[in-house]
Amino acid sequence: MQRAAVAAVGGVIAVVSVPVVLGAMGFTSAGIAASSVAAKMMSAAAISNGGGVAAGSLVATLQSVGAAGLSTSSNILLACVGSTFGALLGGSKKKPPSPPPAGSEDAGDQPEKKDS
């Protein structure tokens, strides 16, 4: 049950964090924010392409997502990936080994008796 809860939280975090991270980088609904990481990426892409940003490039795709958001199918896929990672990471704690029952000690654990 705990793994399912962690998986659900992972999916929600994945879906919610993408627009937040893109906005923080400068890919906003109003366009690319000045003096942001997005502006630097756009400048580098424009310089490397001879003055314009190529359609379908990383910058163009991120700007599209920042402006319009992700499609429903993209949100579902992102939630599935986030849930998978949440389940894997949330269930990664191993339980410590249980102690041996009282009174049952191995013969190898006892000190050897020496005959004199």
N, C-alpha and C. Protein backbone atom coordinates (compact mmCIF):
# COMPACT_ATOMS: atom_id res chain seq x y z
N MET A 1 0.82 -1.18 0.00
CA MET A 1 0.00 0.00 0.00
C MET A 1 0.87 1.25 0.00
N GLN A 2 1.99 1.20 0.73
CA GLN A 2 2.87 2.35 0.79
C GLN A 2 3.47 2.64 -0.58
N ARG A 3 3.83 1.60 -1.31
CA ARG A 3 4.43 1.79 -2.63
C ARG A 3 3.44 2.45 -3.58
N ALA A 4 2.16 2.10 -3.50
CA ALA A 4 1.15 2.71 -4.36
C ALA A 4 0.99 4.19 -4.03
N ALA A 5 1.04 4.53 -2.76
CA ALA A 5 0.92 5.93 -2.37
C ALA A 5 2.12 6.74 -2.86
N VAL A 6 3.30 6.18 -2.74
CA VAL A 6 4.51 6.86 -3.20
C VAL A 6 4.49 7.00 -4.72
N ALA A 7 3.98 5.99 -5.41
CA ALA A 7 3.87 6.06 -6.87
C ALA A 7 2.91 7.17 -7.28
N ALA A 8 1.79 7.30 -6.59
CA ALA A 8 0.83 8.36 -6.90
C ALA A 8 1.44 9.74 -6.67
N VAL A 9 2.16 9.88 -5.59
CA VAL A 9 2.82 11.15 -5.29
C VAL A 9 3.87 11.46 -6.37
N GLY A 10 4.62 10.45 -6.81
CA GLY A 10 5.60 10.64 -7.87
C GLY A 10 4.97 11.13 -9.16
N GLY A 11 3.81 10.57 -9.50
CA GLY A 11 3.10 11.00 -10.71
C GLY A 11 2.63 12.43 -10.62
N VAL A 12 2.08 12.80 -9.47
CA VAL A 12 1.61 14.18 -9.28
C VAL A 12 2.77 15.16 -9.33
N ILE A 13 3.86 14.81 -8.67
CA ILE A 13 5.03 15.71 -8.66
C ILE A 13 5.56 15.90 -10.08
N ALA A 14 5.61 14.84 -10.86
CA ALA A 14 6.11 14.94 -12.23
C ALA A 14 5.25 15.87 -13.08
N VAL A 15 3.93 15.73 -12.97
CA VAL A 15 3.02 16.53 -13.79
C VAL A 15 3.05 18.00 -13.35
N VAL A 16 3.12 18.24 -12.06
CA VAL A 16 3.08 19.61 -11.55
C VAL A 16 4.41 20.33 -11.74
N SER A 17 5.51 19.59 -11.65
CA SER A 17 6.82 20.24 -11.67
C SER A 17 7.24 20.73 -13.04
N VAL A 18 6.77 20.13 -14.13
CA VAL A 18 7.21 20.54 -15.46
C VAL A 18 6.86 22.00 -15.75
N PRO A 19 5.62 22.44 -15.59
CA PRO A 19 5.33 23.86 -15.85
C PRO A 19 6.06 24.80 -14.88
N VAL A 20 6.24 24.36 -13.65
CA VAL A 20 6.93 25.20 -12.68
C VAL A 20 8.40 25.38 -13.07
N VAL A 21 9.04 24.30 -13.45
CA VAL A 21 10.46 24.36 -13.84
C VAL A 21 10.62 25.17 -15.12
N LEU A 22 9.74 24.95 -16.09
CA LEU A 22 9.84 25.72 -17.33
C LEU A 22 9.62 27.21 -17.09
N GLY A 23 8.68 27.54 -16.23
CA GLY A 23 8.46 28.95 -15.89
C GLY A 23 9.67 29.55 -15.20
N ALA A 24 10.29 28.79 -14.31
CA ALA A 24 11.49 29.27 -13.62
C ALA A 24 12.65 29.47 -14.58
N MET A 25 12.70 28.65 -15.64
CA MET A 25 13.76 28.80 -16.64
C MET A 25 13.50 29.98 -17.57
N GLY A 26 12.27 30.47 -17.63
CA GLY A 26 11.95 31.62 -18.48
C GLY A 26 11.03 31.33 -19.63
N PHE A 27 10.54 30.10 -19.74
CA PHE A 27 9.58 29.75 -20.79
C PHE A 27 8.17 30.00 -20.22
N THR A 28 7.64 31.20 -20.44
CA THR A 28 6.36 31.59 -19.84
C THR A 28 5.27 31.66 -20.91
N SER A 29 4.04 31.83 -20.47
CA SER A 29 2.92 31.91 -21.41
C SER A 29 2.97 33.22 -22.20
N ALA A 30 3.67 34.22 -21.70
CA ALA A 30 3.81 35.49 -22.41
C ALA A 30 5.01 35.50 -23.36
N GLY A 31 5.78 34.44 -23.37
CA GLY A 31 6.97 34.37 -24.21
C GLY A 31 8.21 34.10 -23.37
N ILE A 32 9.35 34.22 -23.99
CA ILE A 32 10.60 33.97 -23.28
C ILE A 32 10.96 35.20 -22.46
N ALA A 33 11.21 34.99 -21.18
CA ALA A 33 11.54 36.10 -20.27
C ALA A 33 12.95 36.60 -20.54
N ALA A 34 13.11 37.91 -20.47
CA ALA A 34 14.42 38.53 -20.70
C ALA A 34 15.41 38.13 -19.61
N SER A 35 16.65 37.99 -19.97
CA SER A 35 17.76 37.67 -19.05
C SER A 35 17.54 36.37 -18.29
N SER A 36 16.91 35.41 -18.93
CA SER A 36 16.66 34.11 -18.29
C SER A 36 17.47 33.03 -18.99
N VAL A 37 17.43 31.86 -18.42
CA VAL A 37 18.08 30.70 -19.06
C VAL A 37 17.46 30.47 -20.44
N ALA A 38 16.16 30.63 -20.54
CA ALA A 38 15.49 30.45 -21.82
C ALA A 38 15.99 31.45 -22.86
N ALA A 39 16.23 32.69 -22.44
CA ALA A 39 16.75 33.70 -23.38
C ALA A 39 18.14 33.34 -23.85
N LYS A 40 18.96 32.83 -22.96
CA LYS A 40 20.31 32.41 -23.34
C LYS A 40 20.26 31.21 -24.29
N MET A 41 19.34 30.28 -24.03
CA MET A 41 19.18 29.12 -24.92
C MET A 41 18.71 29.57 -26.30
N MET A 42 17.77 30.52 -26.33
CA MET A 42 17.25 31.02 -27.60
C MET A 42 18.35 31.74 -28.37
N SER A 43 19.16 32.52 -27.68
CA SER A 43 20.25 33.23 -28.33
C SER A 43 21.26 32.25 -28.93
N ALA A 44 21.63 31.24 -28.17
CA ALA A 44 22.58 30.24 -28.67
C ALA A 44 22.01 29.49 -29.86
N ALA A 45 20.71 29.15 -29.81
CA ALA A 45 20.08 28.43 -30.92
C ALA A 45 20.01 29.32 -32.16
N ALA A 46 19.72 30.60 -31.97
CA ALA A 46 19.64 31.51 -33.10
C ALA A 46 21.01 31.71 -33.74
N ILE A 47 22.03 31.85 -32.93
CA ILE A 47 23.39 32.04 -33.46
C ILE A 47 23.83 30.80 -34.25
N SER A 48 23.55 29.61 -33.68
CA SER A 48 23.99 28.39 -34.36
C SER A 48 23.20 28.10 -35.63
N ASN A 49 22.00 28.66 -35.76
CA ASN A 49 21.18 28.43 -36.95
C ASN A 49 21.21 29.60 -37.93
N GLY A 50 22.11 30.52 -37.72
CA GLY A 50 22.24 31.63 -38.67
C GLY A 50 21.20 32.71 -38.49
N GLY A 51 20.68 32.90 -37.30
CA GLY A 51 19.78 34.03 -37.04
C GLY A 51 18.37 33.67 -36.63
N GLY A 52 17.97 32.45 -36.74
CA GLY A 52 16.61 32.08 -36.36
C GLY A 52 16.59 30.78 -35.58
N VAL A 53 15.52 30.57 -34.84
CA VAL A 53 15.37 29.33 -34.08
C VAL A 53 14.60 28.35 -34.96
N ALA A 54 15.17 27.19 -35.16
CA ALA A 54 14.56 26.19 -36.04
C ALA A 54 13.27 25.63 -35.42
N ALA A 55 12.27 25.44 -36.25
CA ALA A 55 11.02 24.82 -35.79
C ALA A 55 11.32 23.38 -35.38
N GLY A 56 10.75 22.97 -34.25
CA GLY A 56 10.96 21.61 -33.76
C GLY A 56 12.22 21.45 -32.92
N SER A 57 12.98 22.52 -32.77
CA SER A 57 14.19 22.44 -31.94
C SER A 57 13.79 22.39 -30.46
N LEU A 58 14.76 22.14 -29.62
CA LEU A 58 14.50 22.06 -28.18
C LEU A 58 13.92 23.37 -27.66
N VAL A 59 14.48 24.50 -28.07
CA VAL A 59 13.99 25.79 -27.61
C VAL A 59 12.56 26.02 -28.07
N ALA A 60 12.28 25.70 -29.32
CA ALA A 60 10.92 25.88 -29.85
C ALA A 60 9.91 24.99 -29.12
N THR A 61 10.31 23.76 -28.84
CA THR A 61 9.42 22.83 -28.14
C THR A 61 9.17 23.29 -26.71
N LEU A 62 10.22 23.70 -26.01
CA LEU A 62 10.04 24.16 -24.63
C LEU A 62 9.20 25.44 -24.59
N GLN A 63 9.38 26.33 -25.56
CA GLN A 63 8.56 27.53 -25.60
C GLN A 63 7.09 27.18 -25.84
N SER A 64 6.84 26.21 -26.70
CA SER A 64 5.47 25.77 -26.95
C SER A 64 4.84 25.21 -25.68
N VAL A 65 5.59 24.40 -24.96
CA VAL A 65 5.07 23.83 -23.71
C VAL A 65 4.88 24.93 -22.67
N GLY A 66 5.81 25.87 -22.60
CA GLY A 66 5.67 26.97 -21.65
C GLY A 66 4.48 27.85 -21.95
N ALA A 67 4.19 28.05 -23.22
CA ALA A 67 3.08 28.92 -23.61
C ALA A 67 1.72 28.23 -23.52
N ALA A 68 1.64 27.00 -23.98
CA ALA A 68 0.34 26.32 -24.07
C ALA A 68 0.16 25.20 -23.07
N GLY A 69 1.23 24.75 -22.41
CA GLY A 69 1.13 23.63 -21.50
C GLY A 69 1.26 22.31 -22.25
N LEU A 70 1.26 21.25 -21.51
CA LEU A 70 1.37 19.92 -22.11
C LEU A 70 0.01 19.40 -22.52
N SER A 71 0.00 18.57 -23.54
CA SER A 71 -1.25 17.95 -23.97
C SER A 71 -1.67 16.89 -22.95
N THR A 72 -2.89 16.42 -23.07
CA THR A 72 -3.39 15.41 -22.14
C THR A 72 -2.57 14.13 -22.24
N SER A 73 -2.24 13.73 -23.45
CA SER A 73 -1.46 12.50 -23.61
C SER A 73 -0.06 12.66 -23.02
N SER A 74 0.52 13.84 -23.16
CA SER A 74 1.84 14.09 -22.56
C SER A 74 1.77 14.08 -21.04
N ASN A 75 0.69 14.64 -20.49
CA ASN A 75 0.51 14.60 -19.03
C ASN A 75 0.35 13.17 -18.53
N ILE A 76 -0.38 12.36 -19.27
CA ILE A 76 -0.57 10.96 -18.87
C ILE A 76 0.76 10.21 -18.92
N LEU A 77 1.52 10.42 -19.99
CA LEU A 77 2.82 9.77 -20.10
C LEU A 77 3.76 10.23 -18.99
N LEU A 78 3.77 11.52 -18.71
CA LEU A 78 4.62 12.06 -17.65
C LEU A 78 4.20 11.51 -16.29
N ALA A 79 2.91 11.38 -16.05
CA ALA A 79 2.43 10.81 -14.79
C ALA A 79 2.84 9.35 -14.65
N CYS A 80 2.79 8.61 -15.75
CA CYS A 80 3.22 7.20 -15.71
C CYS A 80 4.70 7.07 -15.38
N VAL A 81 5.51 7.90 -16.00
CA VAL A 81 6.95 7.86 -15.73
C VAL A 81 7.23 8.29 -14.29
N GLY A 82 6.57 9.36 -13.85
CA GLY A 82 6.75 9.80 -12.46
C GLY A 82 6.30 8.76 -11.46
N SER A 83 5.21 8.08 -11.75
CA SER A 83 4.72 7.03 -10.86
C SER A 83 5.69 5.86 -10.80
N THR A 84 6.26 5.52 -11.94
CA THR A 84 7.23 4.42 -11.97
C THR A 84 8.45 4.76 -11.12
N PHE A 85 8.99 5.96 -11.33
CA PHE A 85 10.15 6.35 -10.53
C PHE A 85 9.79 6.46 -9.05
N GLY A 86 8.60 6.97 -8.75
CA GLY A 86 8.17 7.06 -7.36
C GLY A 86 8.08 5.69 -6.71
N ALA A 87 7.53 4.72 -7.44
CA ALA A 87 7.42 3.36 -6.90
C ALA A 87 8.78 2.73 -6.70
N LEU A 88 9.68 2.94 -7.66
CA LEU A 88 11.01 2.36 -7.55
C LEU A 88 11.81 2.99 -6.42
N LEU A 89 11.77 4.30 -6.33
CA LEU A 89 12.55 4.98 -5.30
C LEU A 89 11.90 4.89 -3.93
N GLY A 90 10.59 4.88 -3.89
CA GLY A 90 9.88 4.81 -2.62
C GLY A 90 9.96 3.45 -1.96
N GLY A 91 10.12 2.41 -2.74
CA GLY A 91 10.19 1.07 -2.19
C GLY A 91 11.60 0.55 -2.09
N SER A 92 12.59 1.45 -2.16
CA SER A 92 13.97 1.00 -2.19
C SER A 92 14.58 0.75 -0.82
N LYS A 93 13.89 1.13 0.24
CA LYS A 93 14.43 0.91 1.58
C LYS A 93 14.29 -0.55 1.96
N LYS A 94 15.40 -1.14 2.35
CA LYS A 94 15.36 -2.53 2.77
C LYS A 94 15.17 -2.61 4.27
N LYS A 95 14.43 -3.59 4.69
CA LYS A 95 14.23 -3.80 6.12
C LYS A 95 15.49 -4.44 6.69
N PRO A 96 15.88 -4.04 7.90
CA PRO A 96 17.05 -4.67 8.49
C PRO A 96 16.77 -6.13 8.80
N PRO A 97 17.80 -6.98 8.76
CA PRO A 97 17.56 -8.39 9.05
C PRO A 97 17.09 -8.57 10.48
N SER A 98 16.20 -9.50 10.66
CA SER A 98 15.67 -9.74 12.00
C SER A 98 16.72 -10.46 12.84
N PRO A 99 16.77 -10.15 14.13
CA PRO A 99 17.76 -10.81 14.98
C PRO A 99 17.40 -12.28 15.15
N PRO A 100 18.41 -13.11 15.43
CA PRO A 100 18.12 -14.54 15.63
C PRO A 100 17.29 -14.73 16.90
N PRO A 101 16.50 -15.78 16.93
CA PRO A 101 15.69 -16.03 18.12
C PRO A 101 16.58 -16.22 19.36
N ALA A 102 16.05 -15.83 20.49
CA ALA A 102 16.81 -15.93 21.74
C ALA A 102 17.11 -17.39 22.07
N GLY A 103 18.33 -17.64 22.49
CA GLY A 103 18.70 -18.98 22.92
C GLY A 103 19.24 -19.86 21.82
N SER A 104 19.18 -19.42 20.58
CA SER A 104 19.70 -20.26 19.50
C SER A 104 20.95 -19.60 18.95
N GLU A 105 22.09 -20.01 19.46
CA GLU A 105 23.35 -19.47 19.00
C GLU A 105 24.09 -20.56 18.24
N ASP A 106 24.83 -20.14 17.23
CA ASP A 106 25.62 -21.10 16.48
C ASP A 106 26.81 -21.56 17.30
N ALA A 107 27.26 -22.77 17.03
CA ALA A 107 28.41 -23.30 17.75
C ALA A 107 29.67 -22.51 17.41
N GLY A 108 29.71 -21.91 16.23
CA GLY A 108 30.88 -21.16 15.82
C GLY A 108 31.00 -19.84 16.57
N ASP A 109 29.93 -19.36 17.18
CA ASP A 109 29.97 -18.09 17.89
C ASP A 109 30.51 -18.22 19.30
N GLN A 110 30.59 -19.42 19.82
CA GLN A 110 31.02 -19.61 21.20
C GLN A 110 32.54 -19.75 21.24
N PRO A 111 33.18 -19.26 22.31
CA PRO A 111 34.62 -19.40 22.39
C PRO A 111 35.00 -20.88 22.53
N GLU A 112 36.15 -21.19 21.93
CA GLU A 112 36.60 -22.57 21.98
C GLU A 112 37.10 -22.91 23.38
N LYS A 113 36.85 -24.13 23.80
CA LYS A 113 37.36 -24.62 25.10
C LYS A 113 38.65 -25.34 24.83
N LYS A 114 39.66 -25.02 25.59
CA LYS A 114 40.96 -25.68 25.42
C LYS A 114 41.15 -26.70 26.54
N ASP A 115 41.55 -27.88 26.15
CA ASP A 115 41.84 -28.91 27.15
C ASP A 115 43.29 -28.71 27.60
N SER A 116 43.49 -28.74 28.92
CA SER A 116 44.83 -28.57 29.44
C SER A 116 45.40 -29.87 29.92
